Amino acid sequence: MGLNNKITQIIDQGIPIEQKLQEICDLLKQSIAHYHWVGFSFRVHPDFDNQ
């Protein structure tokens, strides 16, 4: 299974977002030898109603 598919499986899990992000970081660190840092950037969709 490819890395993209594994990440998609993590995202689709019914777990808290913090755990998803940690699992993605752990997967990248395990899978890519030169990975030692991961950052996430978030954008709120304009149609998102935060009320």
C-alpha atoms as a PDB file:
ATOM      1  CA  MET A   1       0.000   0.000   0.000  1.00  0.00           C
ATOM      2  CA  GLY A   2       1.346   3.422  -0.918  1.00  0.00           C
ATOM      3  CA  LEU A   3       2.064   6.237   1.497  1.00  0.00           C
ATOM      4  CA  ASN A   4      -0.856   8.327   0.210  1.00  0.00           C
ATOM      5  CA  ASN A   5      -3.268   5.464   0.860  1.00  0.00           C
ATOM      6  CA  LYS A   6      -1.918   4.971   4.376  1.00  0.00           C
ATOM      7  CA  ILE A   7      -2.333   8.679   5.133  1.00  0.00           C
ATOM      8  CA  THR A   8      -5.881   8.605   3.757  1.00  0.00           C
ATOM      9  CA  GLN A   9      -6.672   5.655   6.036  1.00  0.00           C
ATOM     10  CA  ILE A  10      -5.384   7.607   9.042  1.00  0.00           C
ATOM     11  CA  ILE A  11      -7.469  10.655   8.084  1.00  0.00           C
ATOM     12  CA  ASP A  12     -10.590   8.515   7.680  1.00  0.00           C
ATOM     13  CA  GLN A  13     -10.270   6.982  11.163  1.00  0.00           C
ATOM     14  CA  GLY A  14     -12.739   8.059  13.838  1.00  0.00           C
ATOM     15  CA  ILE A  15     -10.012   9.355  16.146  1.00  0.00           C
ATOM     16  CA  PRO A  16      -9.254  12.866  17.428  1.00  0.00           C
ATOM     17  CA  ILE A  17      -7.473  15.199  14.996  1.00  0.00           C
ATOM     18  CA  GLU A  18      -4.435  15.423  17.289  1.00  0.00           C
ATOM     19  CA  GLN A  19      -4.001  11.661  17.129  1.00  0.00           C
ATOM     20  CA  LYS A  20      -4.407  11.674  13.333  1.00  0.00           C
ATOM     21  CA  LEU A  21      -1.685  14.303  12.986  1.00  0.00           C
ATOM     22  CA  GLN A  22       0.650  12.367  15.297  1.00  0.00           C
ATOM     23  CA  GLU A  23       0.059   9.131  13.386  1.00  0.00           C
ATOM     24  CA  ILE A  24       0.829  10.891  10.089  1.00  0.00           C
ATOM     25  CA  CYS A  25       4.061  12.285  11.568  1.00  0.00           C
ATOM     26  CA  ASP A  26       5.019   8.848  12.880  1.00  0.00           C
ATOM     27  CA  LEU A  27       4.279   7.225   9.508  1.00  0.00           C
ATOM     28  CA  LEU A  28       6.400   9.760   7.615  1.00  0.00           C
ATOM     29  CA  LYS A  29       9.280   9.347  10.047  1.00  0.00           C
ATOM     30  CA  GLN A  30       9.146   5.531   9.671  1.00  0.00           C
ATOM     31  CA  SER A  31       8.706   5.558   5.906  1.00  0.00           C
ATOM     32  CA  ILE A  32      11.135   8.231   4.728  1.00  0.00           C
ATOM     33  CA  ALA A  33      14.644   8.044   6.157  1.00  0.00           C
ATOM     34  CA  HIS A  34      15.455  11.750   5.770  1.00  0.00           C
ATOM     35  CA  TYR A  35      12.199  12.965   7.376  1.00  0.00           C
ATOM     36  CA  HIS A  36      12.909  14.551  10.732  1.00  0.00           C
ATOM     37  CA  TRP A  37      10.388  17.382  10.833  1.00  0.00           C
ATOM     38  CA  VAL A  38       6.745  17.729   9.762  1.00  0.00           C
ATOM     39  CA  GLY A  39       4.617  20.855   9.795  1.00  0.00           C
ATOM     40  CA  PHE A  40       0.932  21.346   9.140  1.00  0.00           C
ATOM     41  CA  SER A  41      -0.743  24.417   7.718  1.00  0.00           C
ATOM     42  CA  PHE A  42      -4.502  24.861   8.087  1.00  0.00           C
ATOM     43  CA  ARG A  43      -6.926  27.060   6.199  1.00  0.00           C
ATOM     44  CA  VAL A  44     -10.556  27.628   7.103  1.00  0.00           C
ATOM     45  CA  HIS A  45     -12.817  27.096   4.110  1.00  0.00           C
ATOM     46  CA  PRO A  46     -14.876  30.236   3.322  1.00  0.00           C
ATOM     47  CA  ASP A  47     -18.105  28.206   3.518  1.00  0.00           C
ATOM     48  CA  PHE A  48     -17.274  26.963   7.036  1.00  0.00           C
ATOM     49  CA  ASP A  49     -19.790  28.215   9.584  1.00  0.00           C
ATOM     50  CA  ASN A  50     -18.008  28.469  12.921  1.00  0.00           C
ATOM     51  CA  GLN A  51     -21.097  29.220  15.009  1.00  0.00           C
END
